[in-house]
Amino acid sequence: VMAEAISQEAAKTPGKESHAMESFASALRQLPSIIAENGGYDSAQLVSELKALHAVGKNTKGLDMYKGEVGDMVDLGITESFSVKRQVLVQAAEAAEMILRVDDILKAAPRRREQDRSHC
C-alpha cells in the first residue's frame, strides 16, 4: 500500500527524485517476500495472495508468520502507529544517505601528498 502511494507520487515528480522514489517503492515491495522466505514459507504464493487482497482494497491484510498464510492484522492485534512508521522511514533514509556519502568518499581521487621535510 505504501509502495503504491510512493509510486503515484513518483509519477508526478520530475527529475532524479522520481527515480529514487521508484527505487524506494521497489524496495518496499520486496519486504513481504523477504519476510516470507526468512520464515521458510512459499514467498511467491503468499505475496501473490497478499497483492490480490490489497488490490481489492483489503489493506489490513498482511503475513501471518505463525501460520504461514495471509491474515488480517487487525484480528491478530498487529498495529503500527504513524510516529513509529515515520521514524523507521526517516532512519532508513538517513542510513541510505550515509552509505552513499561513504561511497562517494571512497570513489574520490586521493589527495596528492607532499614529502615531509621535518627533522623528526
PDB file of N, CA and C in Angstrom:
ATOM      1  N   VAL A   1       0.833  -1.176   0.000  1.00  0.00           N
ATOM      2  CA  VAL A   1       0.000   0.000   0.000  1.00  0.00           C
ATOM      3  C   VAL A   1       0.883   1.247   0.000  1.00  0.00           C
ATOM      4  N   MET A   2       1.885   1.277   0.870  1.00  0.00           N
ATOM      5  CA  MET A   2       2.773   2.425   0.927  1.00  0.00           C
ATOM      6  C   MET A   2       3.592   2.535  -0.360  1.00  0.00           C
ATOM      7  N   ALA A   3       4.003   1.401  -0.908  1.00  0.00           N
ATOM      8  CA  ALA A   3       4.775   1.410  -2.143  1.00  0.00           C
ATOM      9  C   ALA A   3       3.960   1.994  -3.288  1.00  0.00           C
ATOM     10  N   GLU A   4       2.676   1.685  -3.336  1.00  0.00           N
ATOM     11  CA  GLU A   4       1.816   2.240  -4.384  1.00  0.00           C
ATOM     12  C   GLU A   4       1.690   3.747  -4.255  1.00  0.00           C
ATOM     13  N   ALA A   5       1.544   4.230  -3.038  1.00  0.00           N
ATOM     14  CA  ALA A   5       1.444   5.680  -2.805  1.00  0.00           C
ATOM     15  C   ALA A   5       2.723   6.381  -3.245  1.00  0.00           C
ATOM     16  N   ILE A   6       3.864   5.777  -2.966  1.00  0.00           N
ATOM     17  CA  ILE A   6       5.140   6.370  -3.366  1.00  0.00           C
ATOM     18  C   ILE A   6       5.277   6.350  -4.881  1.00  0.00           C
ATOM     19  N   SER A   7       4.869   5.266  -5.527  1.00  0.00           N
ATOM     20  CA  SER A   7       4.928   5.185  -6.992  1.00  0.00           C
ATOM     21  C   SER A   7       4.046   6.241  -7.647  1.00  0.00           C
ATOM     22  N   GLN A   8       2.880   6.479  -7.077  1.00  0.00           N
ATOM     23  CA  GLN A   8       1.990   7.507  -7.621  1.00  0.00           C
ATOM     24  C   GLN A   8       2.600   8.893  -7.484  1.00  0.00           C
ATOM     25  N   GLU A   9       3.236   9.162  -6.367  1.00  0.00           N
ATOM     26  CA  GLU A   9       3.901  10.451  -6.183  1.00  0.00           C
ATOM     27  C   GLU A   9       5.121  10.568  -7.090  1.00  0.00           C
ATOM     28  N   ALA A  10       5.815   9.472  -7.314  1.00  0.00           N
ATOM     29  CA  ALA A  10       6.984   9.486  -8.198  1.00  0.00           C
ATOM     30  C   ALA A  10       6.578   9.842  -9.620  1.00  0.00           C
ATOM     31  N   ALA A  11       5.400   9.395 -10.031  1.00  0.00           N
ATOM     32  CA  ALA A  11       4.921   9.710 -11.378  1.00  0.00           C
ATOM     33  C   ALA A  11       4.676  11.208 -11.548  1.00  0.00           C
ATOM     34  N   LYS A  12       4.416  11.894 -10.464  1.00  0.00           N
ATOM     35  CA  LYS A  12       4.161  13.339 -10.506  1.00  0.00           C
ATOM     36  C   LYS A  12       5.426  14.164 -10.263  1.00  0.00           C
ATOM     37  N   THR A  13       6.508  13.512  -9.893  1.00  0.00           N
ATOM     38  CA  THR A  13       7.731  14.211  -9.506  1.00  0.00           C
ATOM     39  C   THR A  13       8.722  14.237 -10.662  1.00  0.00           C
ATOM     40  N   PRO A  14       9.201  15.418 -11.037  1.00  0.00           N
ATOM     41  CA  PRO A  14      10.179  15.498 -12.128  1.00  0.00           C
ATOM     42  C   PRO A  14      11.605  15.251 -11.629  1.00  0.00           C
ATOM     43  N   GLY A  15      12.466  14.886 -12.533  1.00  0.00           N
ATOM     44  CA  GLY A  15      13.890  14.798 -12.230  1.00  0.00           C
ATOM     45  C   GLY A  15      14.333  13.494 -11.591  1.00  0.00           C
ATOM     46  N   LYS A  16      15.534  13.558 -11.034  1.00  0.00           N
ATOM     47  CA  LYS A  16      16.170  12.382 -10.442  1.00  0.00           C
ATOM     48  C   LYS A  16      15.438  11.876  -9.213  1.00  0.00           C
ATOM     49  N   GLU A  17      14.723  12.778  -8.543  1.00  0.00           N
ATOM     50  CA  GLU A  17      13.983  12.375  -7.350  1.00  0.00           C
ATOM     51  C   GLU A  17      12.970  11.285  -7.674  1.00  0.00           C
ATOM     52  N   SER A  18      12.408  11.350  -8.869  1.00  0.00           N
ATOM     53  CA  SER A  18      11.425  10.357  -9.307  1.00  0.00           C
ATOM     54  C   SER A  18      12.037   8.959  -9.337  1.00  0.00           C
ATOM     55  N   HIS A  19      13.247   8.869  -9.850  1.00  0.00           N
ATOM     56  CA  HIS A  19      13.925   7.569  -9.933  1.00  0.00           C
ATOM     57  C   HIS A  19      14.225   7.026  -8.533  1.00  0.00           C
ATOM     58  N   ALA A  20      14.662   7.900  -7.636  1.00  0.00           N
ATOM     59  CA  ALA A  20      14.938   7.482  -6.263  1.00  0.00           C
ATOM     60  C   ALA A  20      13.667   7.007  -5.580  1.00  0.00           C
ATOM     61  N   MET A  21      12.558   7.708  -5.819  1.00  0.00           N
ATOM     62  CA  MET A  21      11.287   7.316  -5.212  1.00  0.00           C
ATOM     63  C   MET A  21      10.830   5.959  -5.733  1.00  0.00           C
ATOM     64  N   GLU A  22      10.986   5.713  -7.032  1.00  0.00           N
ATOM     65  CA  GLU A  22      10.598   4.422  -7.611  1.00  0.00           C
ATOM     66  C   GLU A  22      11.456   3.290  -7.038  1.00  0.00           C
ATOM     67  N   SER A  23      12.736   3.552  -6.846  1.00  0.00           N
ATOM     68  CA  SER A  23      13.625   2.537  -6.262  1.00  0.00           C
ATOM     69  C   SER A  23      13.219   2.222  -4.830  1.00  0.00           C
ATOM     70  N   PHE A  24      12.835   3.260  -4.088  1.00  0.00           N
ATOM     71  CA  PHE A  24      12.388   3.056  -2.718  1.00  0.00           C
ATOM     72  C   PHE A  24      11.096   2.245  -2.690  1.00  0.00           C
ATOM     73  N   ALA A  25      10.171   2.556  -3.599  1.00  0.00           N
ATOM     74  CA  ALA A  25       8.916   1.803  -3.682  1.00  0.00           C
ATOM     75  C   ALA A  25       9.191   0.336  -4.023  1.00  0.00           C
ATOM     76  N   SER A  26      10.133   0.115  -4.910  1.00  0.00           N
ATOM     77  CA  SER A  26      10.501  -1.255  -5.283  1.00  0.00           C
ATOM     78  C   SER A  26      11.064  -2.010  -4.079  1.00  0.00           C
ATOM     79  N   ALA A  27      11.884  -1.336  -3.286  1.00  0.00           N
ATOM     80  CA  ALA A  27      12.438  -1.969  -2.079  1.00  0.00           C
ATOM     81  C   ALA A  27      11.326  -2.320  -1.091  1.00  0.00           C
ATOM     82  N   LEU A  28      10.345  -1.438  -0.953  1.00  0.00           N
ATOM     83  CA  LEU A  28       9.221  -1.726  -0.058  1.00  0.00           C
ATOM     84  C   LEU A  28       8.418  -2.927  -0.536  1.00  0.00           C
ATOM     85  N   ARG A  29       8.271  -3.072  -1.850  1.00  0.00           N
ATOM     86  CA  ARG A  29       7.517  -4.209  -2.401  1.00  0.00           C
ATOM     87  C   ARG A  29       8.213  -5.540  -2.142  1.00  0.00           C
ATOM     88  N   GLN A  30       9.514  -5.511  -1.953  1.00  0.00           N
ATOM     89  CA  GLN A  30      10.274  -6.744  -1.738  1.00  0.00           C
ATOM     90  C   GLN A  30      10.212  -7.232  -0.290  1.00  0.00           C
ATOM     91  N   LEU A  31       9.837  -6.365   0.634  1.00  0.00           N
ATOM     92  CA  LEU A  31       9.837  -6.739   2.051  1.00  0.00           C
ATOM     93  C   LEU A  31       8.973  -7.958   2.374  1.00  0.00           C
ATOM     94  N   PRO A  32       7.718  -8.039   1.924  1.00  0.00           N
ATOM     95  CA  PRO A  32       6.929  -9.232   2.263  1.00  0.00           C
ATOM     96  C   PRO A  32       7.553 -10.534   1.753  1.00  0.00           C
ATOM     97  N   SER A  33       8.140 -10.475   0.574  1.00  0.00           N
ATOM     98  CA  SER A  33       8.782 -11.666   0.018  1.00  0.00           C
ATOM     99  C   SER A  33       9.981 -12.092   0.865  1.00  0.00           C
ATOM    100  N   ILE A  34      10.780 -11.135   1.284  1.00  0.00           N
ATOM    101  CA  ILE A  34      11.953 -11.431   2.110  1.00  0.00           C
ATOM    102  C   ILE A  34      11.523 -12.004   3.458  1.00  0.00           C
ATOM    103  N   ILE A  35      10.488 -11.403   4.055  1.00  0.00           N
ATOM    104  CA  ILE A  35       9.999 -11.891   5.348  1.00  0.00           C
ATOM    105  C   ILE A  35       9.482 -13.322   5.224  1.00  0.00           C
ATOM    106  N   ALA A  36       8.716 -13.603   4.169  1.00  0.00           N
ATOM    107  CA  ALA A  36       8.175 -14.953   3.974  1.00  0.00           C
ATOM    108  C   ALA A  36       9.293 -15.971   3.754  1.00  0.00           C
ATOM    109  N   GLU A  37      10.277 -15.607   2.946  1.00  0.00           N
ATOM    110  CA  GLU A  37      11.394 -16.518   2.694  1.00  0.00           C
ATOM    111  C   GLU A  37      12.170 -16.794   3.974  1.00  0.00           C
ATOM    112  N   ASN A  38      12.409 -15.759   4.762  1.00  0.00           N
ATOM    113  CA  ASN A  38      13.135 -15.948   6.027  1.00  0.00           C
ATOM    114  C   ASN A  38      12.355 -16.824   6.999  1.00  0.00           C
ATOM    115  N   GLY A  39      11.029 -16.821   6.886  1.00  0.00           N
ATOM    116  CA  GLY A  39      10.204 -17.672   7.733  1.00  0.00           C
ATOM    117  C   GLY A  39      10.086 -19.093   7.216  1.00  0.00           C
ATOM    118  N   GLY A  40      10.655 -19.357   6.033  1.00  0.00           N
ATOM    119  CA  GLY A  40      10.623 -20.703   5.464  1.00  0.00           C
ATOM    120  C   GLY A  40       9.348 -21.023   4.714  1.00  0.00           C
ATOM    121  N   TYR A  41       8.601 -20.002   4.317  1.00  0.00           N
ATOM    122  CA  TYR A  41       7.335 -20.207   3.610  1.00  0.00           C
ATOM    123  C   TYR A  41       7.498 -19.943   2.113  1.00  0.00           C
ATOM    124  N   ASP A  42       6.488 -20.357   1.347  1.00  0.00           N
ATOM    125  CA  ASP A  42       6.468 -20.133  -0.099  1.00  0.00           C
ATOM    126  C   ASP A  42       6.150 -18.658  -0.347  1.00  0.00           C
ATOM    127  N   SER A  43       7.181 -17.871  -0.558  1.00  0.00           N
ATOM    128  CA  SER A  43       7.002 -16.426  -0.671  1.00  0.00           C
ATOM    129  C   SER A  43       6.203 -16.043  -1.906  1.00  0.00           C
ATOM    130  N   ALA A  44       6.388 -16.748  -3.006  1.00  0.00           N
ATOM    131  CA  ALA A  44       5.656 -16.409  -4.233  1.00  0.00           C
ATOM    132  C   ALA A  44       4.153 -16.544  -4.018  1.00  0.00           C
ATOM    133  N   GLN A  45       3.734 -17.607  -3.383  1.00  0.00           N
ATOM    134  CA  GLN A  45       2.310 -17.837  -3.128  1.00  0.00           C
ATOM    135  C   GLN A  45       1.746 -16.798  -2.165  1.00  0.00           C
ATOM    136  N   LEU A  46       2.422 -16.588  -1.048  1.00  0.00           N
ATOM    137  CA  LEU A  46       1.930 -15.653  -0.037  1.00  0.00           C
ATOM    138  C   LEU A  46       1.869 -14.223  -0.566  1.00  0.00           C
ATOM    139  N   VAL A  47       2.907 -13.808  -1.267  1.00  0.00           N
ATOM    140  CA  VAL A  47       2.946 -12.434  -1.769  1.00  0.00           C
ATOM    141  C   VAL A  47       1.898 -12.221  -2.852  1.00  0.00           C
ATOM    142  N   SER A  48       1.676 -13.208  -3.710  1.00  0.00           N
ATOM    143  CA  SER A  48       0.645 -13.051  -4.742  1.00  0.00           C
ATOM    144  C   SER A  48      -0.742 -12.961  -4.112  1.00  0.00           C
ATOM    145  N   GLU A  49      -0.995 -13.740  -3.083  1.00  0.00           N
ATOM    146  CA  GLU A  49      -2.279 -13.647  -2.364  1.00  0.00           C
ATOM    147  C   GLU A  49      -2.435 -12.276  -1.707  1.00  0.00           C
ATOM    148  N   LEU A  50      -1.367 -11.809  -1.082  1.00  0.00           N
ATOM    149  CA  LEU A  50      -1.391 -10.512  -0.406  1.00  0.00           C
ATOM    150  C   LEU A  50      -1.630  -9.375  -1.393  1.00  0.00           C
ATOM    151  N   LYS A  51      -0.948  -9.405  -2.534  1.00  0.00           N
ATOM    152  CA  LYS A  51      -1.141  -8.362  -3.552  1.00  0.00           C
ATOM    153  C   LYS A  51      -2.565  -8.363  -4.081  1.00  0.00           C
ATOM    154  N   ALA A  52      -3.132  -9.553  -4.292  1.00  0.00           N
ATOM    155  CA  ALA A  52      -4.505  -9.640  -4.788  1.00  0.00           C
ATOM    156  C   ALA A  52      -5.490  -9.042  -3.785  1.00  0.00           C
ATOM    157  N   LEU A  53      -5.285  -9.315  -2.512  1.00  0.00           N
ATOM    158  CA  LEU A  53      -6.168  -8.764  -1.481  1.00  0.00           C
ATOM    159  C   LEU A  53      -6.018  -7.243  -1.364  1.00  0.00           C
ATOM    160  N   HIS A  54      -4.792  -6.762  -1.458  1.00  0.00           N
ATOM    161  CA  HIS A  54      -4.576  -5.313  -1.413  1.00  0.00           C
ATOM    162  C   HIS A  54      -5.189  -4.627  -2.625  1.00  0.00           C
ATOM    163  N   ALA A  55      -5.174  -5.293  -3.767  1.00  0.00           N
ATOM    164  CA  ALA A  55      -5.729  -4.708  -4.990  1.00  0.00           C
ATOM    165  C   ALA A  55      -7.241  -4.504  -4.909  1.00  0.00           C
ATOM    166  N   VAL A  56      -7.920  -5.323  -4.104  1.00  0.00           N
ATOM    167  CA  VAL A  56      -9.374  -5.163  -3.951  1.00  0.00           C
ATOM    168  C   VAL A  56      -9.731  -4.347  -2.712  1.00  0.00           C
ATOM    169  N   GLY A  57      -8.715  -3.688  -2.127  1.00  0.00           N
ATOM    170  CA  GLY A  57      -8.978  -2.765  -1.029  1.00  0.00           C
ATOM    171  C   GLY A  57      -8.890  -3.337   0.367  1.00  0.00           C
ATOM    172  N   LYS A  58      -8.442  -4.569   0.504  1.00  0.00           N
ATOM    173  CA  LYS A  58      -8.301  -5.166   1.838  1.00  0.00           C
ATOM    174  C   LYS A  58      -6.906  -4.840   2.373  1.00  0.00           C
ATOM    175  N   ASN A  59      -6.751  -3.596   2.815  1.00  0.00           N
ATOM    176  CA  ASN A  59      -5.443  -3.087   3.201  1.00  0.00           C
ATOM    177  C   ASN A  59      -4.992  -3.506   4.592  1.00  0.00           C
ATOM    178  N   THR A  60      -5.847  -4.160   5.351  1.00  0.00           N
ATOM    179  CA  THR A  60      -5.432  -4.624   6.682  1.00  0.00           C
ATOM    180  C   THR A  60      -4.839  -6.031   6.633  1.00  0.00           C
ATOM    181  N   LYS A  61      -4.765  -6.598   5.452  1.00  0.00           N
ATOM    182  CA  LYS A  61      -4.190  -7.943   5.304  1.00  0.00           C
ATOM    183  C   LYS A  61      -2.669  -7.865   5.314  1.00  0.00           C
ATOM    184  N   GLY A  62      -2.059  -8.882   5.899  1.00  0.00           N
ATOM    185  CA  GLY A  62      -0.606  -8.982   5.964  1.00  0.00           C
ATOM    186  C   GLY A  62      -0.205 -10.432   6.126  1.00  0.00           C
ATOM    187  N   LEU A  63       1.062 -10.670   6.364  1.00  0.00           N
ATOM    188  CA  LEU A  63       1.565 -12.035   6.501  1.00  0.00           C
ATOM    189  C   LEU A  63       1.491 -12.489   7.954  1.00  0.00           C
ATOM    190  N   ASP A  64       0.788 -13.589   8.179  1.00  0.00           N
ATOM    191  CA  ASP A  64       0.732 -14.224   9.493  1.00  0.00           C
ATOM    192  C   ASP A  64       1.860 -15.251   9.519  1.00  0.00           C
ATOM    193  N   MET A  65       2.959 -14.900  10.134  1.00  0.00           N
ATOM    194  CA  MET A  65       4.141 -15.750  10.094  1.00  0.00           C
ATOM    195  C   MET A  65       4.048 -16.946  11.030  1.00  0.00           C
ATOM    196  N   TYR A  66       3.069 -16.971  11.930  1.00  0.00           N
ATOM    197  CA  TYR A  66       2.875 -18.142  12.777  1.00  0.00           C
ATOM    198  C   TYR A  66       2.215 -19.274  11.995  1.00  0.00           C
ATOM    199  N   LYS A  67       1.284 -18.917  11.106  1.00  0.00           N
ATOM    200  CA  LYS A  67       0.550 -19.925  10.345  1.00  0.00           C
ATOM    201  C   LYS A  67       1.053 -20.074   8.915  1.00  0.00           C
ATOM    202  N   GLY A  68       1.834 -19.134   8.434  1.00  0.00           N
ATOM    203  CA  GLY A  68       2.325 -19.197   7.056  1.00  0.00           C
ATOM    204  C   GLY A  68       1.239 -18.904   6.046  1.00  0.00           C
ATOM    205  N   GLU A  69       0.382 -17.956   6.385  1.00  0.00           N
ATOM    206  CA  GLU A  69      -0.706 -17.588   5.483  1.00  0.00           C
ATOM    207  C   GLU A  69      -0.980 -16.094   5.601  1.00  0.00           C
ATOM    208  N   VAL A  70      -1.833 -15.604   4.723  1.00  0.00           N
ATOM    209  CA  VAL A  70      -2.236 -14.207   4.785  1.00  0.00           C
ATOM    210  C   VAL A  70      -3.313 -14.082   5.853  1.00  0.00           C
ATOM    211  N   GLY A  71      -3.160 -13.110   6.734  1.00  0.00           N
ATOM    212  CA  GLY A  71      -4.126 -12.913   7.811  1.00  0.00           C
ATOM    213  C   GLY A  71      -4.498 -11.452   7.944  1.00  0.00           C
ATOM    214  N   ASP A  72      -5.530 -11.207   8.721  1.00  0.00           N
ATOM    215  CA  ASP A  72      -5.969  -9.836   8.982  1.00  0.00           C
ATOM    216  C   ASP A  72      -5.199  -9.318  10.189  1.00  0.00           C
ATOM    217  N   MET A  73      -4.439  -8.267   9.973  1.00  0.00           N
ATOM    218  CA  MET A  73      -3.583  -7.739  11.030  1.00  0.00           C
ATOM    219  C   MET A  73      -4.384  -7.143  12.186  1.00  0.00           C
ATOM    220  N   VAL A  74      -5.565  -6.633  11.902  1.00  0.00           N
ATOM    221  CA  VAL A  74      -6.416  -6.101  12.973  1.00  0.00           C
ATOM    222  C   VAL A  74      -6.874  -7.231  13.882  1.00  0.00           C
ATOM    223  N   ASP A  75      -7.297  -8.352  13.281  1.00  0.00           N
ATOM    224  CA  ASP A  75      -7.717  -9.511  14.075  1.00  0.00           C
ATOM    225  C   ASP A  75      -6.566 -10.093  14.895  1.00  0.00           C
ATOM    226  N   LEU A  76      -5.351  -9.986  14.367  1.00  0.00           N
ATOM    227  CA  LEU A  76      -4.173 -10.507  15.068  1.00  0.00           C
ATOM    228  C   LEU A  76      -3.641  -9.522  16.111  1.00  0.00           C
ATOM    229  N   GLY A  77      -4.210  -8.324  16.139  1.00  0.00           N
ATOM    230  CA  GLY A  77      -3.776  -7.323  17.109  1.00  0.00           C
ATOM    231  C   GLY A  77      -2.485  -6.623  16.741  1.00  0.00           C
ATOM    232  N   ILE A  78      -2.149  -6.649  15.448  1.00  0.00           N
ATOM    233  CA  ILE A  78      -0.914  -6.004  14.989  1.00  0.00           C
ATOM    234  C   ILE A  78      -1.271  -4.642  14.413  1.00  0.00           C
ATOM    235  N   THR A  79      -0.767  -3.616  15.058  1.00  0.00           N
ATOM    236  CA  THR A  79      -0.995  -2.255  14.573  1.00  0.00           C
ATOM    237  C   THR A  79       0.331  -1.509  14.571  1.00  0.00           C
ATOM    238  N   GLU A  80       0.410  -0.505  13.730  1.00  0.00           N
ATOM    239  CA  GLU A  80       1.597   0.332  13.662  1.00  0.00           C
ATOM    240  C   GLU A  80       1.157   1.776  13.838  1.00  0.00           C
ATOM    241  N   SER A  81       1.802   2.453  14.725  1.00  0.00           N
ATOM    242  CA  SER A  81       1.470   3.864  14.875  1.00  0.00           C
ATOM    243  C   SER A  81       2.185   4.664  13.795  1.00  0.00           C
ATOM    244  N   PHE A  82       1.592   5.779  13.435  1.00  0.00           N
ATOM    245  CA  PHE A  82       2.181   6.632  12.402  1.00  0.00           C
ATOM    246  C   PHE A  82       3.561   7.120  12.817  1.00  0.00           C
ATOM    247  N   SER A  83       3.725   7.496  14.080  1.00  0.00           N
ATOM    248  CA  SER A  83       5.002   8.046  14.518  1.00  0.00           C
ATOM    249  C   SER A  83       6.122   7.006  14.427  1.00  0.00           C
ATOM    250  N   VAL A  84       5.816   5.751  14.740  1.00  0.00           N
ATOM    251  CA  VAL A  84       6.825   4.696  14.640  1.00  0.00           C
ATOM    252  C   VAL A  84       7.184   4.452  13.177  1.00  0.00           C
ATOM    253  N   LYS A  85       6.179   4.364  12.336  1.00  0.00           N
ATOM    254  CA  LYS A  85       6.420   4.125  10.912  1.00  0.00           C
ATOM    255  C   LYS A  85       7.235   5.272  10.300  1.00  0.00           C
ATOM    256  N   ARG A  86       6.900   6.516  10.662  1.00  0.00           N
ATOM    257  CA  ARG A  86       7.624   7.668  10.148  1.00  0.00           C
ATOM    258  C   ARG A  86       9.080   7.619  10.603  1.00  0.00           C
ATOM    259  N   GLN A  87       9.325   7.292  11.859  1.00  0.00           N
ATOM    260  CA  GLN A  87      10.687   7.248  12.377  1.00  0.00           C
ATOM    261  C   GLN A  87      11.511   6.156  11.698  1.00  0.00           C
ATOM    262  N   VAL A  88      10.903   5.021  11.442  1.00  0.00           N
ATOM    263  CA  VAL A  88      11.605   3.938  10.743  1.00  0.00           C
ATOM    264  C   VAL A  88      12.001   4.386   9.350  1.00  0.00           C
ATOM    265  N   LEU A  89      11.102   5.045   8.642  1.00  0.00           N
ATOM    266  CA  LEU A  89      11.412   5.516   7.293  1.00  0.00           C
ATOM    267  C   LEU A  89      12.491   6.591   7.311  1.00  0.00           C
ATOM    268  N   VAL A  90      12.442   7.489   8.273  1.00  0.00           N
ATOM    269  CA  VAL A  90      13.460   8.531   8.382  1.00  0.00           C
ATOM    270  C   VAL A  90      14.830   7.902   8.635  1.00  0.00           C
ATOM    271  N   GLN A  91      14.890   6.948   9.554  1.00  0.00           N
ATOM    272  CA  GLN A  91      16.169   6.308   9.857  1.00  0.00           C
ATOM    273  C   GLN A  91      16.695   5.503   8.677  1.00  0.00           C
ATOM    274  N   ALA A  92      15.809   4.859   7.937  1.00  0.00           N
ATOM    275  CA  ALA A  92      16.239   4.108   6.751  1.00  0.00           C
ATOM    276  C   ALA A  92      16.810   5.048   5.701  1.00  0.00           C
ATOM    277  N   ALA A  93      16.149   6.187   5.504  1.00  0.00           N
ATOM    278  CA  ALA A  93      16.639   7.166   4.532  1.00  0.00           C
ATOM    279  C   ALA A  93      17.985   7.734   4.966  1.00  0.00           C
ATOM    280  N   GLU A  94      18.150   8.000   6.257  1.00  0.00           N
ATOM    281  CA  GLU A  94      19.421   8.513   6.759  1.00  0.00           C
ATOM    282  C   GLU A  94      20.540   7.486   6.587  1.00  0.00           C
ATOM    283  N   ALA A  95      20.236   6.227   6.823  1.00  0.00           N
ATOM    284  CA  ALA A  95      21.240   5.171   6.642  1.00  0.00           C
ATOM    285  C   ALA A  95      21.652   5.065   5.179  1.00  0.00           C
ATOM    286  N   ALA A  96      20.679   5.129   4.277  1.00  0.00           N
ATOM    287  CA  ALA A  96      20.984   5.063   2.845  1.00  0.00           C
ATOM    288  C   ALA A  96      21.834   6.258   2.422  1.00  0.00           C
ATOM    289  N   GLU A  97      21.505   7.439   2.936  1.00  0.00           N
ATOM    290  CA  GLU A  97      22.283   8.636   2.614  1.00  0.00           C
ATOM    291  C   GLU A  97      23.718   8.512   3.116  1.00  0.00           C
ATOM    292  N   MET A  98      23.901   7.961   4.313  1.00  0.00           N
ATOM    293  CA  MET A  98      25.237   7.789   4.863  1.00  0.00           C
ATOM    294  C   MET A  98      26.050   6.807   4.008  1.00  0.00           C
ATOM    295  N   ILE A  99      25.415   5.735   3.564  1.00  0.00           N
ATOM    296  CA  ILE A  99      26.106   4.759   2.712  1.00  0.00           C
ATOM    297  C   ILE A  99      26.538   5.417   1.409  1.00  0.00           C
ATOM    298  N   LEU A 100      25.663   6.233   0.832  1.00  0.00           N
ATOM    299  CA  LEU A 100      26.006   6.920  -0.415  1.00  0.00           C
ATOM    300  C   LEU A 100      27.154   7.909  -0.216  1.00  0.00           C
ATOM    301  N   ARG A 101      27.171   8.597   0.917  1.00  0.00           N
ATOM    302  CA  ARG A 101      28.259   9.537   1.198  1.00  0.00           C
ATOM    303  C   ARG A 101      29.586   8.808   1.337  1.00  0.00           C
ATOM    304  N   VAL A 102      29.587   7.689   2.046  1.00  0.00           N
ATOM    305  CA  VAL A 102      30.815   6.912   2.199  1.00  0.00           C
ATOM    306  C   VAL A 102      31.278   6.408   0.833  1.00  0.00           C
ATOM    307  N   ASP A 103      30.333   5.977   0.010  1.00  0.00           N
ATOM    308  CA  ASP A 103      30.665   5.504  -1.329  1.00  0.00           C
ATOM    309  C   ASP A 103      31.299   6.621  -2.146  1.00  0.00           C
ATOM    310  N   ASP A 104      30.762   7.844  -2.049  1.00  0.00           N
ATOM    311  CA  ASP A 104      31.336   8.981  -2.766  1.00  0.00           C
ATOM    312  C   ASP A 104      32.746   9.289  -2.279  1.00  0.00           C
ATOM    313  N   ILE A 105      32.972   9.176  -0.987  1.00  0.00           N
ATOM    314  CA  ILE A 105      34.302   9.435  -0.430  1.00  0.00           C
ATOM    315  C   ILE A 105      35.293   8.406  -0.951  1.00  0.00           C
ATOM    316  N   LEU A 106      34.886   7.152  -1.007  1.00  0.00           N
ATOM    317  CA  LEU A 106      35.783   6.100  -1.483  1.00  0.00           C
ATOM    318  C   LEU A 106      36.095   6.254  -2.966  1.00  0.00           C
ATOM    319  N   LYS A 107      35.163   6.785  -3.733  1.00  0.00           N
ATOM    320  CA  LYS A 107      35.371   6.968  -5.171  1.00  0.00           C
ATOM    321  C   LYS A 107      36.222   8.189  -5.481  1.00  0.00           C
ATOM    322  N   ALA A 108      36.285   9.139  -4.557  1.00  0.00           N
ATOM    323  CA  ALA A 108      37.034  10.374  -4.778  1.00  0.00           C
ATOM    324  C   ALA A 108      38.522  10.050  -4.943  1.00  0.00           C
ATOM    325  N   ALA A 109      39.181  10.837  -5.783  1.00  0.00           N
ATOM    326  CA  ALA A 109      40.614  10.633  -6.011  1.00  0.00           C
ATOM    327  C   ALA A 109      41.386  10.990  -4.750  1.00  0.00           C
ATOM    328  N   PRO A 110      42.423  10.228  -4.453  1.00  0.00           N
ATOM    329  CA  PRO A 110      43.209  10.559  -3.260  1.00  0.00           C
ATOM    330  C   PRO A 110      43.949  11.883  -3.459  1.00  0.00           C
ATOM    331  N   ARG A 111      44.113  12.629  -2.377  1.00  0.00           N
ATOM    332  CA  ARG A 111      44.806  13.907  -2.487  1.00  0.00           C
ATOM    333  C   ARG A 111      46.302  13.665  -2.654  1.00  0.00           C
ATOM    334  N   ARG A 112      46.926  14.597  -3.298  1.00  0.00           N
ATOM    335  CA  ARG A 112      48.353  14.486  -3.551  1.00  0.00           C
ATOM    336  C   ARG A 112      49.110  14.777  -2.254  1.00  0.00           C
ATOM    337  N   ARG A 113      50.015  13.926  -1.912  1.00  0.00           N
ATOM    338  CA  ARG A 113      50.772  14.093  -0.666  1.00  0.00           C
ATOM    339  C   ARG A 113      52.141  14.693  -0.974  1.00  0.00           C
ATOM    340  N   GLU A 114      52.549  15.598  -0.092  1.00  0.00           N
ATOM    341  CA  GLU A 114      53.865  16.214  -0.236  1.00  0.00           C
ATOM    342  C   GLU A 114      54.841  15.509   0.679  1.00  0.00           C
ATOM    343  N   GLN A 115      56.100  15.545   0.287  1.00  0.00           N
ATOM    344  CA  GLN A 115      57.157  14.892   1.082  1.00  0.00           C
ATOM    345  C   GLN A 115      57.351  15.662   2.382  1.00  0.00           C
ATOM    346  N   ASP A 116      57.455  14.931   3.465  1.00  0.00           N
ATOM    347  CA  ASP A 116      57.678  15.531   4.765  1.00  0.00           C
ATOM    348  C   ASP A 116      59.165  15.825   4.924  1.00  0.00           C
ATOM    349  N   ARG A 117      59.514  17.101   5.139  1.00  0.00           N
ATOM    350  CA  ARG A 117      60.931  17.502   5.248  1.00  0.00           C
ATOM    351  C   ARG A 117      61.296  17.921   6.670  1.00  0.00           C
ATOM    352  N   SER A 118      60.494  17.499   7.619  1.00  0.00           N
ATOM    353  CA  SER A 118      60.808  17.878   9.017  1.00  0.00           C
ATOM    354  C   SER A 118      61.931  16.989   9.557  1.00  0.00           C
ATOM    355  N   HIS A 119      62.578  17.449  10.642  1.00  0.00           N
ATOM    356  CA  HIS A 119      63.720  16.744  11.218  1.00  0.00           C
ATOM    357  C   HIS A 119      63.293  15.924  12.433  1.00  0.00           C
ATOM    358  N   CYS A 120      62.355  15.063  12.315  1.00  0.00           N
ATOM    359  CA  CYS A 120      61.900  14.260  13.447  1.00  0.00           C
ATOM    360  C   CYS A 120      62.529  12.919  13.481  1.00  0.00           C
TER     361      CYS A 120
END
